[in-house]
Amino acid sequence: RATFFMVGINVQNYPEAAREVILAGHEVGNHTFSHCHLASLDERMVSEELDKCEDVLEELCEYRPHLFRPPEGKVNSYVEQCTELGDYSLILWSLDTRDWECKDSNIIADRVLSNVKAGDIILMHDYIGNNSRTAAALEILLPKLLERGFEPVTVSELLGH
């Protein structure tokens, strides 16, 4: 199982995919409605981005997220304040695969395998574009992580929430 930080507009456009992720037992977090650069917005606009994503997930998937990952990991005082007011846990990552820039599944997998430690939150993207190699990287990566004794868990499970 994994945690998927979903963008609200994608949930709105592809509600079946979002529901499928939830029904499969994965955890879902808020990743804003439009994946905008939050650090350039005022507090009201940041709050709206969080609220709109939450509303879409509740309306279309009957799911209320409690985790929030800001796009690009950009955080400022407004983002922190809105996260707290929305009763979210702010989540970043400890290992970035940079899968968004890489078109080679072996390189993506190797970035994890050569750096992974127990307790890491590994950043990967479920949709980058038509040439995304993330799914192929996972096919390489997951069996090797299991061989090494790692157990994939949701962020909440990892943090003991």
N, C-alpha and C. Protein backbone atom coordinates (compact mmCIF):
# COMPACT_ATOMS: atom_id res chain seq x y z
N ARG A 1 0.84 -1.19 0.00
CA ARG A 1 0.00 0.00 0.00
C ARG A 1 0.88 1.24 0.00
N ALA A 2 0.29 2.33 -0.45
CA ALA A 2 1.03 3.58 -0.59
C ALA A 2 0.11 4.75 -0.24
N THR A 3 0.70 5.93 -0.22
CA THR A 3 -0.07 7.16 -0.04
C THR A 3 0.01 7.94 -1.33
N PHE A 4 -1.15 8.29 -1.86
CA PHE A 4 -1.24 9.08 -3.08
C PHE A 4 -1.70 10.49 -2.72
N PHE A 5 -0.87 11.47 -3.01
CA PHE A 5 -1.26 12.87 -2.80
C PHE A 5 -1.90 13.34 -4.10
N MET A 6 -3.21 13.55 -4.04
CA MET A 6 -3.98 13.81 -5.25
C MET A 6 -4.25 15.29 -5.46
N VAL A 7 -4.20 15.66 -6.73
CA VAL A 7 -4.52 17.02 -7.18
C VAL A 7 -6.02 17.04 -7.47
N GLY A 8 -6.72 17.99 -6.89
CA GLY A 8 -8.17 18.05 -6.98
C GLY A 8 -8.73 18.06 -8.39
N ILE A 9 -8.12 18.83 -9.29
CA ILE A 9 -8.62 18.89 -10.66
C ILE A 9 -8.53 17.53 -11.34
N ASN A 10 -7.50 16.73 -10.99
CA ASN A 10 -7.39 15.38 -11.55
C ASN A 10 -8.46 14.47 -10.97
N VAL A 11 -8.76 14.62 -9.68
CA VAL A 11 -9.84 13.84 -9.07
C VAL A 11 -11.16 14.21 -9.74
N GLN A 12 -11.36 15.51 -9.97
CA GLN A 12 -12.59 15.97 -10.62
C GLN A 12 -12.71 15.40 -12.03
N ASN A 13 -11.62 15.34 -12.77
CA ASN A 13 -11.65 14.86 -14.15
C ASN A 13 -11.64 13.34 -14.26
N TYR A 14 -11.07 12.66 -13.25
CA TYR A 14 -10.94 11.20 -13.28
C TYR A 14 -11.39 10.59 -11.95
N PRO A 15 -12.64 10.80 -11.56
CA PRO A 15 -13.08 10.31 -10.24
C PRO A 15 -13.00 8.80 -10.10
N GLU A 16 -13.18 8.06 -11.19
CA GLU A 16 -13.11 6.60 -11.11
C GLU A 16 -11.72 6.15 -10.69
N ALA A 17 -10.69 6.78 -11.23
CA ALA A 17 -9.31 6.42 -10.87
C ALA A 17 -9.06 6.71 -9.40
N ALA A 18 -9.54 7.84 -8.92
CA ALA A 18 -9.35 8.20 -7.51
C ALA A 18 -10.07 7.20 -6.61
N ARG A 19 -11.30 6.86 -6.97
CA ARG A 19 -12.06 5.89 -6.16
C ARG A 19 -11.37 4.52 -6.17
N GLU A 20 -10.81 4.13 -7.31
CA GLU A 20 -10.12 2.85 -7.41
C GLU A 20 -8.91 2.79 -6.46
N VAL A 21 -8.17 3.88 -6.37
CA VAL A 21 -7.03 3.96 -5.45
C VAL A 21 -7.51 3.77 -4.01
N ILE A 22 -8.58 4.45 -3.65
CA ILE A 22 -9.11 4.37 -2.28
C ILE A 22 -9.65 2.97 -2.00
N LEU A 23 -10.40 2.41 -2.94
CA LEU A 23 -10.97 1.07 -2.74
C LEU A 23 -9.88 0.00 -2.64
N ALA A 24 -8.73 0.24 -3.23
CA ALA A 24 -7.61 -0.71 -3.15
C ALA A 24 -6.91 -0.64 -1.80
N GLY A 25 -7.34 0.28 -0.94
CA GLY A 25 -6.78 0.35 0.41
C GLY A 25 -5.63 1.32 0.57
N HIS A 26 -5.39 2.13 -0.45
CA HIS A 26 -4.33 3.12 -0.35
C HIS A 26 -4.82 4.34 0.42
N GLU A 27 -3.89 5.09 0.95
CA GLU A 27 -4.19 6.33 1.63
C GLU A 27 -4.12 7.47 0.61
N VAL A 28 -4.94 8.48 0.83
CA VAL A 28 -4.95 9.64 -0.07
C VAL A 28 -4.70 10.90 0.74
N GLY A 29 -3.86 11.76 0.20
CA GLY A 29 -3.59 13.05 0.81
C GLY A 29 -3.94 14.17 -0.15
N ASN A 30 -4.03 15.36 0.38
CA ASN A 30 -4.35 16.57 -0.37
C ASN A 30 -3.06 17.11 -1.00
N HIS A 31 -3.12 17.43 -2.29
CA HIS A 31 -1.97 18.00 -3.00
C HIS A 31 -2.39 19.27 -3.73
N THR A 32 -3.38 19.96 -3.18
CA THR A 32 -4.02 21.18 -3.70
C THR A 32 -4.97 20.86 -4.84
N PHE A 33 -5.75 21.85 -5.20
CA PHE A 33 -6.71 21.65 -6.28
C PHE A 33 -6.03 21.75 -7.65
N SER A 34 -5.12 22.70 -7.82
CA SER A 34 -4.58 22.94 -9.17
C SER A 34 -3.07 22.76 -9.29
N HIS A 35 -2.41 22.30 -8.24
CA HIS A 35 -0.95 22.10 -8.23
C HIS A 35 -0.21 23.40 -8.55
N CYS A 36 -0.66 24.48 -7.93
CA CYS A 36 -0.06 25.79 -8.16
C CYS A 36 1.11 26.02 -7.20
N HIS A 37 1.82 27.10 -7.43
CA HIS A 37 2.95 27.47 -6.58
C HIS A 37 2.43 28.22 -5.36
N LEU A 38 2.23 27.50 -4.27
CA LEU A 38 1.60 28.06 -3.09
C LEU A 38 2.38 29.21 -2.48
N ALA A 39 3.69 29.19 -2.58
CA ALA A 39 4.51 30.23 -1.95
C ALA A 39 4.24 31.62 -2.54
N SER A 40 3.62 31.66 -3.72
CA SER A 40 3.32 32.95 -4.35
C SER A 40 1.90 33.43 -4.07
N LEU A 41 1.14 32.67 -3.27
CA LEU A 41 -0.25 33.00 -2.99
C LEU A 41 -0.42 33.58 -1.60
N ASP A 42 -1.51 34.33 -1.41
CA ASP A 42 -1.82 34.82 -0.06
C ASP A 42 -2.56 33.73 0.72
N GLU A 43 -2.80 33.99 1.99
CA GLU A 43 -3.38 32.99 2.88
C GLU A 43 -4.75 32.52 2.38
N ARG A 44 -5.59 33.43 1.91
CA ARG A 44 -6.92 33.07 1.43
C ARG A 44 -6.82 32.12 0.24
N MET A 45 -5.91 32.40 -0.68
CA MET A 45 -5.78 31.57 -1.87
C MET A 45 -5.20 30.19 -1.54
N VAL A 46 -4.27 30.14 -0.60
CA VAL A 46 -3.73 28.85 -0.17
C VAL A 46 -4.85 28.02 0.45
N SER A 47 -5.62 28.65 1.31
CA SER A 47 -6.74 27.97 1.96
C SER A 47 -7.74 27.45 0.93
N GLU A 48 -8.03 28.25 -0.08
CA GLU A 48 -8.96 27.82 -1.14
C GLU A 48 -8.43 26.60 -1.89
N GLU A 49 -7.13 26.57 -2.16
CA GLU A 49 -6.54 25.42 -2.86
C GLU A 49 -6.71 24.14 -2.05
N LEU A 50 -6.47 24.23 -0.75
CA LEU A 50 -6.65 23.07 0.12
C LEU A 50 -8.12 22.68 0.21
N ASP A 51 -8.97 23.66 0.44
CA ASP A 51 -10.40 23.39 0.61
C ASP A 51 -11.03 22.79 -0.65
N LYS A 52 -10.68 23.33 -1.81
CA LYS A 52 -11.28 22.82 -3.06
C LYS A 52 -10.88 21.37 -3.31
N CYS A 53 -9.62 21.03 -3.04
CA CYS A 53 -9.19 19.64 -3.22
C CYS A 53 -9.93 18.74 -2.23
N GLU A 54 -10.00 19.18 -0.99
CA GLU A 54 -10.71 18.40 0.03
C GLU A 54 -12.18 18.21 -0.36
N ASP A 55 -12.83 19.26 -0.83
CA ASP A 55 -14.23 19.18 -1.21
C ASP A 55 -14.46 18.18 -2.33
N VAL A 56 -13.59 18.18 -3.33
CA VAL A 56 -13.73 17.25 -4.45
C VAL A 56 -13.55 15.81 -3.97
N LEU A 57 -12.56 15.57 -3.12
CA LEU A 57 -12.36 14.22 -2.60
C LEU A 57 -13.55 13.76 -1.76
N GLU A 58 -14.11 14.65 -0.96
CA GLU A 58 -15.28 14.28 -0.15
C GLU A 58 -16.50 14.04 -1.02
N GLU A 59 -16.72 14.92 -1.99
CA GLU A 59 -17.91 14.83 -2.84
C GLU A 59 -17.87 13.63 -3.76
N LEU A 60 -16.75 13.40 -4.43
CA LEU A 60 -16.68 12.35 -5.44
C LEU A 60 -16.20 11.00 -4.92
N CYS A 61 -15.50 11.01 -3.80
CA CYS A 61 -14.91 9.76 -3.30
C CYS A 61 -15.30 9.43 -1.86
N GLU A 62 -16.05 10.33 -1.22
CA GLU A 62 -16.43 10.15 0.18
C GLU A 62 -15.20 9.90 1.04
N TYR A 63 -14.18 10.71 0.83
CA TYR A 63 -12.89 10.55 1.52
C TYR A 63 -12.44 11.91 2.02
N ARG A 64 -12.04 11.97 3.27
CA ARG A 64 -11.52 13.21 3.85
C ARG A 64 -10.04 13.01 4.17
N PRO A 65 -9.16 13.66 3.42
CA PRO A 65 -7.73 13.49 3.67
C PRO A 65 -7.28 14.24 4.93
N HIS A 66 -6.24 13.72 5.57
CA HIS A 66 -5.67 14.35 6.75
C HIS A 66 -4.19 14.68 6.57
N LEU A 67 -3.68 14.33 5.39
CA LEU A 67 -2.29 14.63 5.06
C LEU A 67 -2.25 15.64 3.93
N PHE A 68 -1.24 16.48 3.93
CA PHE A 68 -1.09 17.47 2.88
C PHE A 68 0.37 17.53 2.45
N ARG A 69 0.60 17.45 1.15
CA ARG A 69 1.94 17.66 0.59
C ARG A 69 1.87 18.83 -0.37
N PRO A 70 2.59 19.90 -0.06
CA PRO A 70 2.56 21.07 -0.95
C PRO A 70 3.30 20.78 -2.25
N PRO A 71 2.79 21.28 -3.37
CA PRO A 71 3.50 21.11 -4.63
C PRO A 71 4.95 21.60 -4.52
N GLU A 72 5.85 20.79 -5.05
CA GLU A 72 7.29 21.07 -5.05
C GLU A 72 7.87 21.18 -3.64
N GLY A 73 7.09 20.85 -2.63
CA GLY A 73 7.57 20.93 -1.25
C GLY A 73 7.78 22.35 -0.76
N LYS A 74 7.20 23.32 -1.45
CA LYS A 74 7.38 24.73 -1.09
C LYS A 74 6.46 25.10 0.06
N VAL A 75 7.06 25.61 1.13
CA VAL A 75 6.31 25.95 2.33
C VAL A 75 6.69 27.36 2.78
N ASN A 76 5.69 28.13 3.16
CA ASN A 76 5.92 29.43 3.80
C ASN A 76 4.96 29.54 4.98
N SER A 77 4.92 30.68 5.62
CA SER A 77 4.08 30.81 6.82
C SER A 77 2.59 30.62 6.49
N TYR A 78 2.13 31.09 5.31
CA TYR A 78 0.73 30.90 4.94
C TYR A 78 0.41 29.41 4.78
N VAL A 79 1.30 28.70 4.12
CA VAL A 79 1.09 27.26 3.90
C VAL A 79 1.04 26.55 5.25
N GLU A 80 1.97 26.86 6.14
CA GLU A 80 1.97 26.23 7.46
C GLU A 80 0.70 26.56 8.23
N GLN A 81 0.28 27.81 8.19
CA GLN A 81 -0.92 28.24 8.92
C GLN A 81 -2.17 27.54 8.37
N CYS A 82 -2.32 27.49 7.05
CA CYS A 82 -3.50 26.85 6.46
C CYS A 82 -3.49 25.34 6.71
N THR A 83 -2.31 24.75 6.75
CA THR A 83 -2.20 23.33 7.05
C THR A 83 -2.72 23.06 8.46
N GLU A 84 -2.30 23.88 9.41
CA GLU A 84 -2.74 23.71 10.79
C GLU A 84 -4.24 23.97 10.93
N LEU A 85 -4.74 25.04 10.31
CA LEU A 85 -6.16 25.36 10.40
C LEU A 85 -7.03 24.28 9.78
N GLY A 86 -6.53 23.63 8.73
CA GLY A 86 -7.26 22.56 8.07
C GLY A 86 -7.11 21.22 8.75
N ASP A 87 -6.39 21.19 9.87
CA ASP A 87 -6.17 19.96 10.63
C ASP A 87 -5.44 18.91 9.79
N TYR A 88 -4.44 19.36 9.04
CA TYR A 88 -3.62 18.48 8.22
C TYR A 88 -2.26 18.26 8.85
N SER A 89 -1.66 17.13 8.55
CA SER A 89 -0.25 16.90 8.83
C SER A 89 0.49 17.25 7.54
N LEU A 90 1.47 18.12 7.64
CA LEU A 90 2.28 18.53 6.50
C LEU A 90 3.33 17.46 6.24
N ILE A 91 3.34 16.92 5.03
CA ILE A 91 4.22 15.81 4.69
C ILE A 91 5.15 16.21 3.55
N LEU A 92 6.43 15.98 3.74
CA LEU A 92 7.40 16.15 2.65
C LEU A 92 7.98 14.76 2.37
N TRP A 93 9.21 14.65 1.98
CA TRP A 93 9.80 13.36 1.63
C TRP A 93 11.26 13.36 2.05
N SER A 94 11.83 12.17 2.11
CA SER A 94 13.25 12.06 2.45
C SER A 94 14.07 11.52 1.28
N LEU A 95 13.41 10.96 0.27
CA LEU A 95 14.12 10.41 -0.89
C LEU A 95 13.34 10.76 -2.15
N ASP A 96 13.95 11.58 -2.99
CA ASP A 96 13.31 12.04 -4.24
C ASP A 96 13.86 11.24 -5.41
N THR A 97 12.99 10.54 -6.10
CA THR A 97 13.41 9.74 -7.27
C THR A 97 13.64 10.61 -8.51
N ARG A 98 13.11 11.82 -8.47
CA ARG A 98 13.16 12.74 -9.62
C ARG A 98 12.60 12.06 -10.88
N ASP A 99 11.60 11.23 -10.67
CA ASP A 99 10.98 10.50 -11.78
C ASP A 99 10.34 11.42 -12.80
N TRP A 100 10.00 12.63 -12.40
CA TRP A 100 9.39 13.60 -13.31
C TRP A 100 10.36 14.04 -14.40
N GLU A 101 11.66 13.93 -14.16
CA GLU A 101 12.64 14.37 -15.15
C GLU A 101 13.32 13.20 -15.86
N CYS A 102 13.14 11.99 -15.36
CA CYS A 102 13.89 10.84 -15.86
C CYS A 102 13.00 9.93 -16.70
N LYS A 103 13.50 9.51 -17.82
CA LYS A 103 12.74 8.62 -18.71
C LYS A 103 13.30 7.20 -18.72
N ASP A 104 14.14 6.86 -17.74
CA ASP A 104 14.74 5.53 -17.67
C ASP A 104 14.35 4.87 -16.35
N SER A 105 13.56 3.82 -16.43
CA SER A 105 13.06 3.16 -15.23
C SER A 105 14.18 2.58 -14.37
N ASN A 106 15.25 2.12 -14.99
CA ASN A 106 16.37 1.57 -14.22
C ASN A 106 17.06 2.64 -13.39
N ILE A 107 17.20 3.83 -13.93
CA ILE A 107 17.81 4.93 -13.18
C ILE A 107 16.92 5.32 -12.00
N ILE A 108 15.61 5.41 -12.24
CA ILE A 108 14.68 5.74 -11.16
C ILE A 108 14.80 4.71 -10.04
N ALA A 109 14.77 3.43 -10.39
CA ALA A 109 14.87 2.37 -9.39
C ALA A 109 16.21 2.44 -8.66
N ASP A 110 17.28 2.68 -9.39
CA ASP A 110 18.61 2.74 -8.78
C ASP A 110 18.73 3.90 -7.80
N ARG A 111 18.08 5.02 -8.10
CA ARG A 111 18.11 6.16 -7.17
C ARG A 111 17.55 5.78 -5.81
N VAL A 112 16.57 4.91 -5.81
CA VAL A 112 16.00 4.45 -4.55
C VAL A 112 16.92 3.40 -3.93
N LEU A 113 17.25 2.38 -4.69
CA LEU A 113 17.99 1.24 -4.15
C LEU A 113 19.35 1.62 -3.59
N SER A 114 20.00 2.63 -4.15
CA SER A 114 21.32 3.00 -3.66
C SER A 114 21.27 3.99 -2.51
N ASN A 115 20.07 4.48 -2.15
CA ASN A 115 19.98 5.49 -1.09
C ASN A 115 18.96 5.19 0.00
N VAL A 116 18.11 4.22 -0.18
CA VAL A 116 16.99 3.99 0.73
C VAL A 116 17.45 3.54 2.11
N LYS A 117 16.74 4.09 3.11
CA LYS A 117 16.95 3.72 4.50
C LYS A 117 15.58 3.45 5.12
N ALA A 118 15.58 2.70 6.19
CA ALA A 118 14.33 2.44 6.91
C ALA A 118 13.69 3.76 7.30
N GLY A 119 12.39 3.88 7.09
CA GLY A 119 11.66 5.08 7.47
C GLY A 119 11.60 6.15 6.41
N ASP A 120 12.22 5.92 5.25
CA ASP A 120 12.18 6.92 4.19
C ASP A 120 10.77 7.08 3.62
N ILE A 121 10.45 8.31 3.27
CA ILE A 121 9.27 8.61 2.47
C ILE A 121 9.81 8.87 1.07
N ILE A 122 9.45 8.00 0.13
CA ILE A 122 9.98 8.05 -1.23
C ILE A 122 9.00 8.79 -2.12
N LEU A 123 9.48 9.85 -2.77
CA LEU A 123 8.64 10.66 -3.65
C LEU A 123 8.65 10.10 -5.07
N MET A 124 7.46 9.73 -5.53
CA MET A 124 7.25 9.31 -6.91
C MET A 124 5.95 9.95 -7.36
N HIS A 125 5.75 9.99 -8.66
CA HIS A 125 4.57 10.63 -9.21
C HIS A 125 3.74 9.62 -9.99
N ASP A 126 2.42 9.66 -9.77
CA ASP A 126 1.54 8.70 -10.44
C ASP A 126 1.21 9.11 -11.87
N TYR A 127 1.43 10.36 -12.22
CA TYR A 127 1.21 10.78 -13.60
C TYR A 127 2.14 11.93 -13.93
N ILE A 128 2.97 11.71 -14.91
CA ILE A 128 3.91 12.74 -15.35
C ILE A 128 3.64 13.10 -16.81
N GLY A 129 3.23 12.14 -17.57
CA GLY A 129 2.97 12.33 -18.99
C GLY A 129 3.00 10.97 -19.66
N ASN A 130 2.82 10.99 -20.93
CA ASN A 130 2.73 9.74 -21.67
C ASN A 130 4.00 8.90 -21.63
N ASN A 131 5.14 9.52 -21.38
CA ASN A 131 6.40 8.79 -21.36
C ASN A 131 6.89 8.47 -19.96
N SER A 132 6.03 8.55 -18.98
CA SER A 132 6.43 8.29 -17.61
C SER A 132 6.94 6.86 -17.46
N ARG A 133 8.04 6.71 -16.77
CA ARG A 133 8.64 5.40 -16.52
C ARG A 133 8.47 4.98 -15.05
N THR A 134 7.66 5.70 -14.31
CA THR A 134 7.50 5.42 -12.89
C THR A 134 6.92 4.03 -12.65
N ALA A 135 5.89 3.66 -13.37
CA ALA A 135 5.28 2.34 -13.16
C ALA A 135 6.29 1.23 -13.46
N ALA A 136 7.05 1.38 -14.53
CA ALA A 136 8.07 0.37 -14.86
C ALA A 136 9.16 0.34 -13.79
N ALA A 137 9.50 1.49 -13.23
CA ALA A 137 10.50 1.54 -12.15
C ALA A 137 9.99 0.80 -10.92
N LEU A 138 8.71 0.96 -10.62
CA LEU A 138 8.13 0.25 -9.47
C LEU A 138 8.17 -1.27 -9.65
N GLU A 139 8.00 -1.72 -10.88
CA GLU A 139 8.07 -3.16 -11.14
C GLU A 139 9.47 -3.71 -10.85
N ILE A 140 10.48 -2.89 -11.04
CA ILE A 140 11.86 -3.27 -10.72
C ILE A 140 12.09 -3.12 -9.22
N LEU A 141 11.64 -2.01 -8.70
CA LEU A 141 11.96 -1.58 -7.35
C LEU A 141 11.29 -2.39 -6.25
N LEU A 142 10.00 -2.60 -6.35
CA LEU A 142 9.27 -3.25 -5.26
C LEU A 142 9.79 -4.65 -4.92
N PRO A 143 10.02 -5.53 -5.89
CA PRO A 143 10.56 -6.86 -5.51
C PRO A 143 11.93 -6.76 -4.82
N LYS A 144 12.75 -5.82 -5.26
CA LYS A 144 14.09 -5.69 -4.65
C LYS A 144 14.01 -5.12 -3.24
N LEU A 145 13.08 -4.19 -3.02
CA LEU A 145 12.90 -3.67 -1.66
C LEU A 145 12.37 -4.76 -0.73
N LEU A 146 11.43 -5.56 -1.21
CA LEU A 146 10.90 -6.66 -0.41
C LEU A 146 12.00 -7.68 -0.09
N GLU A 147 12.86 -7.98 -1.06
CA GLU A 147 13.99 -8.88 -0.83
C GLU A 147 14.90 -8.37 0.28
N ARG A 148 15.06 -7.07 0.35
CA ARG A 148 15.93 -6.45 1.36
C ARG A 148 15.23 -6.31 2.72
N GLY A 149 13.97 -6.72 2.80
CA GLY A 149 13.27 -6.69 4.07
C GLY A 149 12.46 -5.42 4.32
N PHE A 150 12.35 -4.56 3.33
CA PHE A 150 11.52 -3.37 3.48
C PHE A 150 10.06 -3.74 3.32
N GLU A 151 9.21 -3.02 4.02
CA GLU A 151 7.77 -3.23 3.92
C GLU A 151 7.12 -1.90 3.51
N PRO A 152 6.53 -1.82 2.33
CA PRO A 152 5.85 -0.58 1.94
C PRO A 152 4.63 -0.34 2.83
N VAL A 153 4.51 0.87 3.34
CA VAL A 153 3.39 1.26 4.19
C VAL A 153 2.92 2.64 3.78
N THR A 154 1.75 3.02 4.27
CA THR A 154 1.27 4.37 4.02
C THR A 154 2.04 5.35 4.90
N VAL A 155 1.96 6.62 4.58
CA VAL A 155 2.63 7.64 5.39
C VAL A 155 2.08 7.61 6.81
N SER A 156 0.77 7.49 6.96
CA SER A 156 0.19 7.45 8.31
C SER A 156 0.70 6.26 9.11
N GLU A 157 0.81 5.12 8.46
CA GLU A 157 1.36 3.95 9.15
C GLU A 157 2.82 4.19 9.55
N LEU A 158 3.58 4.78 8.67
CA LEU A 158 4.99 5.06 8.94
C LEU A 158 5.14 6.00 10.14
N LEU A 159 4.28 7.02 10.19
CA LEU A 159 4.37 8.02 11.25
C LEU A 159 3.60 7.64 12.51
N GLY A 160 2.91 6.49 12.46
CA GLY A 160 2.17 6.02 13.63
C GLY A 160 0.90 6.78 13.91
N HIS A 161 0.29 7.35 12.86
CA HIS A 161 -0.97 8.10 13.03
C HIS A 161 -2.14 7.14 13.03
